[in-house]
N, C-alpha and C. Protein backbone atom coordinates (compact mmCIF):
# COMPACT_ATOMS: atom_id res chain seq x y z
N MET A 1 -4.88 -11.32 -9.17
CA MET A 1 -5.78 -10.62 -10.08
C MET A 1 -5.16 -9.25 -10.38
N ARG A 2 -5.08 -8.91 -11.63
CA ARG A 2 -4.45 -7.66 -12.05
C ARG A 2 -5.46 -6.52 -12.06
N LEU A 3 -5.72 -5.93 -10.90
CA LEU A 3 -6.69 -4.85 -10.80
C LEU A 3 -6.16 -3.53 -11.35
N ASP A 4 -4.88 -3.51 -11.72
CA ASP A 4 -4.36 -2.30 -12.35
C ASP A 4 -4.70 -2.25 -13.84
N GLN A 5 -5.27 -3.33 -14.36
CA GLN A 5 -5.73 -3.35 -15.75
C GLN A 5 -7.21 -3.02 -15.76
N GLU A 6 -7.57 -2.00 -16.52
CA GLU A 6 -8.91 -1.44 -16.50
C GLU A 6 -10.01 -2.49 -16.72
N LYS A 7 -9.87 -3.31 -17.74
CA LYS A 7 -10.91 -4.30 -18.04
C LYS A 7 -11.09 -5.27 -16.87
N THR A 8 -9.98 -5.77 -16.34
CA THR A 8 -10.04 -6.70 -15.21
C THR A 8 -10.68 -6.05 -14.00
N PHE A 9 -10.31 -4.80 -13.73
CA PHE A 9 -10.88 -4.09 -12.60
C PHE A 9 -12.39 -3.96 -12.72
N PHE A 10 -12.88 -3.55 -13.88
CA PHE A 10 -14.32 -3.35 -14.03
C PHE A 10 -15.09 -4.67 -13.99
N GLU A 11 -14.48 -5.74 -14.48
CA GLU A 11 -15.12 -7.05 -14.36
C GLU A 11 -15.20 -7.48 -12.90
N TRP A 12 -14.13 -7.25 -12.16
CA TRP A 12 -14.11 -7.57 -10.73
C TRP A 12 -15.13 -6.73 -9.98
N ALA A 13 -15.18 -5.43 -10.26
CA ALA A 13 -16.13 -4.54 -9.59
C ALA A 13 -17.56 -4.96 -9.89
N ALA A 14 -17.84 -5.34 -11.11
CA ALA A 14 -19.19 -5.78 -11.48
C ALA A 14 -19.56 -7.06 -10.72
N ALA A 15 -18.60 -7.96 -10.55
CA ALA A 15 -18.85 -9.21 -9.83
C ALA A 15 -19.14 -8.95 -8.35
N LYS A 16 -18.65 -7.82 -7.85
CA LYS A 16 -18.87 -7.44 -6.45
C LYS A 16 -20.14 -6.61 -6.29
N GLY A 17 -20.89 -6.41 -7.38
CA GLY A 17 -22.16 -5.71 -7.30
C GLY A 17 -22.12 -4.26 -7.75
N SER A 18 -20.96 -3.79 -8.17
CA SER A 18 -20.85 -2.41 -8.63
C SER A 18 -21.20 -2.34 -10.12
N THR A 19 -21.77 -1.24 -10.52
CA THR A 19 -22.04 -1.07 -11.95
C THR A 19 -20.83 -0.43 -12.59
N ALA A 20 -20.54 -0.81 -13.81
CA ALA A 20 -19.38 -0.26 -14.52
C ALA A 20 -19.49 1.25 -14.65
N ARG A 21 -20.72 1.74 -14.85
CA ARG A 21 -20.90 3.18 -15.02
C ARG A 21 -20.45 3.91 -13.75
N ARG A 22 -20.88 3.43 -12.61
CA ARG A 22 -20.52 4.08 -11.35
C ARG A 22 -19.03 3.92 -11.08
N SER A 23 -18.46 2.76 -11.39
CA SER A 23 -17.05 2.52 -11.13
C SER A 23 -16.15 3.34 -12.04
N ARG A 24 -16.58 3.59 -13.25
CA ARG A 24 -15.75 4.32 -14.21
C ARG A 24 -15.67 5.81 -13.91
N LYS A 25 -16.58 6.34 -13.11
CA LYS A 25 -16.58 7.77 -12.86
C LYS A 25 -16.44 8.08 -11.37
N PRO A 26 -15.22 7.92 -10.84
CA PRO A 26 -15.02 8.29 -9.44
C PRO A 26 -14.94 9.81 -9.34
N THR A 27 -16.09 10.46 -9.32
CA THR A 27 -16.12 11.91 -9.39
C THR A 27 -15.90 12.58 -8.04
N LEU A 28 -16.00 11.83 -6.97
CA LEU A 28 -15.81 12.45 -5.68
C LEU A 28 -14.38 12.93 -5.52
N PHE A 29 -14.24 14.15 -5.10
CA PHE A 29 -12.92 14.76 -4.97
C PHE A 29 -12.04 13.96 -4.01
N GLY A 30 -12.61 13.49 -2.92
CA GLY A 30 -11.84 12.74 -1.93
C GLY A 30 -11.23 11.47 -2.48
N ILE A 31 -11.99 10.77 -3.31
CA ILE A 31 -11.48 9.52 -3.89
C ILE A 31 -10.32 9.82 -4.83
N SER A 32 -10.50 10.81 -5.68
CA SER A 32 -9.44 11.18 -6.62
C SER A 32 -8.19 11.65 -5.88
N SER A 33 -8.39 12.43 -4.83
CA SER A 33 -7.26 12.93 -4.04
C SER A 33 -6.49 11.80 -3.39
N LYS A 34 -7.22 10.84 -2.81
CA LYS A 34 -6.55 9.72 -2.14
C LYS A 34 -5.82 8.84 -3.15
N ALA A 35 -6.40 8.63 -4.30
CA ALA A 35 -5.75 7.82 -5.34
C ALA A 35 -4.47 8.51 -5.81
N ASN A 36 -4.52 9.81 -6.01
CA ASN A 36 -3.33 10.55 -6.43
C ASN A 36 -2.26 10.53 -5.36
N ARG A 37 -2.67 10.66 -4.09
CA ARG A 37 -1.71 10.63 -2.98
C ARG A 37 -1.05 9.25 -2.89
N ALA A 38 -1.83 8.20 -3.08
CA ALA A 38 -1.28 6.85 -3.05
C ALA A 38 -0.24 6.66 -4.15
N LYS A 39 -0.50 7.20 -5.32
CA LYS A 39 0.47 7.11 -6.42
C LYS A 39 1.75 7.85 -6.08
N GLN A 40 1.63 9.03 -5.45
CA GLN A 40 2.80 9.81 -5.06
C GLN A 40 3.65 9.05 -4.04
N VAL A 41 2.99 8.50 -3.03
CA VAL A 41 3.70 7.76 -1.99
C VAL A 41 4.38 6.53 -2.57
N ALA A 42 3.69 5.82 -3.45
CA ALA A 42 4.28 4.63 -4.09
C ALA A 42 5.52 5.00 -4.89
N LYS A 43 5.49 6.16 -5.52
CA LYS A 43 6.64 6.61 -6.30
C LYS A 43 7.80 6.99 -5.38
N VAL A 44 7.51 7.71 -4.30
CA VAL A 44 8.56 8.14 -3.37
C VAL A 44 9.26 6.93 -2.75
N TYR A 45 8.48 5.93 -2.33
CA TYR A 45 9.06 4.75 -1.70
C TYR A 45 9.47 3.67 -2.70
N ASN A 46 9.31 3.95 -3.98
CA ASN A 46 9.70 3.01 -5.04
C ASN A 46 9.07 1.64 -4.82
N VAL A 47 7.76 1.62 -4.63
CA VAL A 47 7.05 0.38 -4.38
C VAL A 47 7.11 -0.49 -5.63
N GLN A 48 7.67 -1.68 -5.47
CA GLN A 48 7.79 -2.64 -6.56
C GLN A 48 6.88 -3.84 -6.37
N SER A 49 6.50 -4.08 -5.11
CA SER A 49 5.63 -5.21 -4.81
C SER A 49 4.90 -4.93 -3.50
N VAL A 50 3.88 -5.71 -3.24
CA VAL A 50 3.16 -5.59 -1.98
C VAL A 50 3.04 -6.98 -1.37
N PRO A 51 2.99 -7.13 -0.08
CA PRO A 51 3.00 -6.04 0.88
C PRO A 51 4.40 -5.46 1.07
N MET A 52 4.44 -4.18 1.30
CA MET A 52 5.66 -3.46 1.62
C MET A 52 5.32 -2.58 2.80
N LEU A 53 6.14 -2.59 3.82
CA LEU A 53 5.85 -1.86 5.05
C LEU A 53 6.92 -0.80 5.27
N VAL A 54 6.49 0.40 5.62
CA VAL A 54 7.40 1.50 5.89
C VAL A 54 7.18 1.92 7.34
N VAL A 55 8.27 1.98 8.10
CA VAL A 55 8.20 2.35 9.51
C VAL A 55 8.85 3.71 9.70
N ASP A 56 8.10 4.63 10.24
CA ASP A 56 8.58 5.97 10.59
C ASP A 56 9.16 6.71 9.38
N GLY A 57 8.74 6.35 8.20
CA GLY A 57 9.17 7.05 7.00
C GLY A 57 10.60 6.77 6.57
N LYS A 58 11.29 5.85 7.28
CA LYS A 58 12.69 5.63 6.91
C LYS A 58 13.12 4.17 6.83
N PHE A 59 12.38 3.27 7.42
CA PHE A 59 12.72 1.85 7.35
C PHE A 59 11.69 1.13 6.49
N VAL A 60 12.17 0.34 5.54
CA VAL A 60 11.29 -0.36 4.61
C VAL A 60 11.58 -1.85 4.71
N THR A 61 10.51 -2.64 4.77
CA THR A 61 10.68 -4.09 4.75
C THR A 61 9.52 -4.74 4.02
N SER A 62 9.69 -5.99 3.71
CA SER A 62 8.66 -6.79 3.05
C SER A 62 9.01 -8.26 3.27
N PRO A 63 8.05 -9.14 3.07
CA PRO A 63 8.34 -10.56 3.28
C PRO A 63 9.53 -11.07 2.46
N ASP A 64 9.69 -10.59 1.25
CA ASP A 64 10.82 -11.07 0.45
C ASP A 64 12.16 -10.59 1.00
N LYS A 65 12.17 -9.49 1.76
CA LYS A 65 13.42 -8.99 2.34
C LYS A 65 13.79 -9.73 3.63
N VAL A 66 12.78 -10.26 4.34
CA VAL A 66 13.05 -10.92 5.62
C VAL A 66 12.88 -12.44 5.56
N GLY A 67 12.59 -12.97 4.39
CA GLY A 67 12.54 -14.41 4.23
C GLY A 67 11.17 -14.99 3.96
N SER A 68 10.14 -14.50 4.67
CA SER A 68 8.81 -15.06 4.46
C SER A 68 7.76 -14.17 5.14
N HIS A 69 6.50 -14.49 4.86
CA HIS A 69 5.42 -13.77 5.52
C HIS A 69 5.44 -14.06 7.02
N ALA A 70 5.83 -15.26 7.40
CA ALA A 70 5.83 -15.66 8.81
C ALA A 70 6.86 -14.87 9.63
N THR A 71 7.96 -14.48 9.02
CA THR A 71 9.00 -13.75 9.75
C THR A 71 8.82 -12.24 9.70
N THR A 72 7.86 -11.78 8.92
CA THR A 72 7.65 -10.34 8.77
C THR A 72 7.23 -9.64 10.07
N PRO A 73 6.29 -10.17 10.86
CA PRO A 73 5.93 -9.46 12.10
C PRO A 73 7.11 -9.23 13.04
N ALA A 74 7.98 -10.20 13.19
CA ALA A 74 9.13 -10.04 14.07
C ALA A 74 10.07 -8.96 13.53
N ALA A 75 10.29 -8.97 12.23
CA ALA A 75 11.15 -7.95 11.62
C ALA A 75 10.53 -6.57 11.77
N LEU A 76 9.23 -6.50 11.61
CA LEU A 76 8.52 -5.23 11.76
C LEU A 76 8.65 -4.72 13.19
N ASN A 77 8.50 -5.61 14.18
CA ASN A 77 8.66 -5.21 15.58
C ASN A 77 10.05 -4.66 15.85
N GLU A 78 11.07 -5.27 15.25
CA GLU A 78 12.44 -4.77 15.42
C GLU A 78 12.60 -3.38 14.83
N LEU A 79 12.01 -3.16 13.65
CA LEU A 79 12.11 -1.83 13.04
C LEU A 79 11.36 -0.78 13.85
N ILE A 80 10.23 -1.14 14.40
CA ILE A 80 9.47 -0.21 15.24
C ILE A 80 10.29 0.15 16.48
N ALA A 81 10.90 -0.85 17.11
CA ALA A 81 11.74 -0.59 18.29
C ALA A 81 12.92 0.31 17.92
N LYS A 82 13.53 0.06 16.77
CA LYS A 82 14.66 0.88 16.33
C LYS A 82 14.21 2.31 16.09
N ALA A 83 13.08 2.48 15.42
CA ALA A 83 12.57 3.83 15.16
C ALA A 83 12.27 4.57 16.46
N ARG A 84 11.67 3.87 17.42
CA ARG A 84 11.38 4.49 18.73
C ARG A 84 12.66 4.89 19.45
N SER A 85 13.69 4.04 19.37
CA SER A 85 14.94 4.34 20.08
C SER A 85 15.68 5.52 19.46
N GLU A 86 15.44 5.77 18.18
CA GLU A 86 16.11 6.89 17.50
C GLU A 86 15.39 8.22 17.69
N ARG A 87 14.16 8.17 18.19
CA ARG A 87 13.43 9.41 18.41
C ARG A 87 13.95 10.12 19.66
N PRO A 88 13.96 11.44 19.63
CA PRO A 88 14.42 12.17 20.82
C PRO A 88 13.47 11.93 22.00
N LYS A 89 14.05 11.84 23.17
CA LYS A 89 13.25 11.67 24.39
C LYS A 89 12.55 12.98 24.70
N SER A 90 11.27 12.86 25.11
CA SER A 90 10.54 14.12 25.43
C SER A 90 10.32 14.28 26.90
């Protein structure tokens, strides 16, 4: 479902019980701030598809990079271990 398309999003929101009027006006500062921050992060990491996982701000993986959704947890565990091993000992 293409929720990045305005019409599709509002139809989906209405089907979930939200009114279009309320959905069209996210006036809360926190919501707008989080949406803007998400856009910034997506741009920095060059997000082209989801799911995309970033470990420790420097390792990026996704199911298409490791072969499948089934192999993603193992690959993620390896990246977490690598990130931990690269951190200075305290």
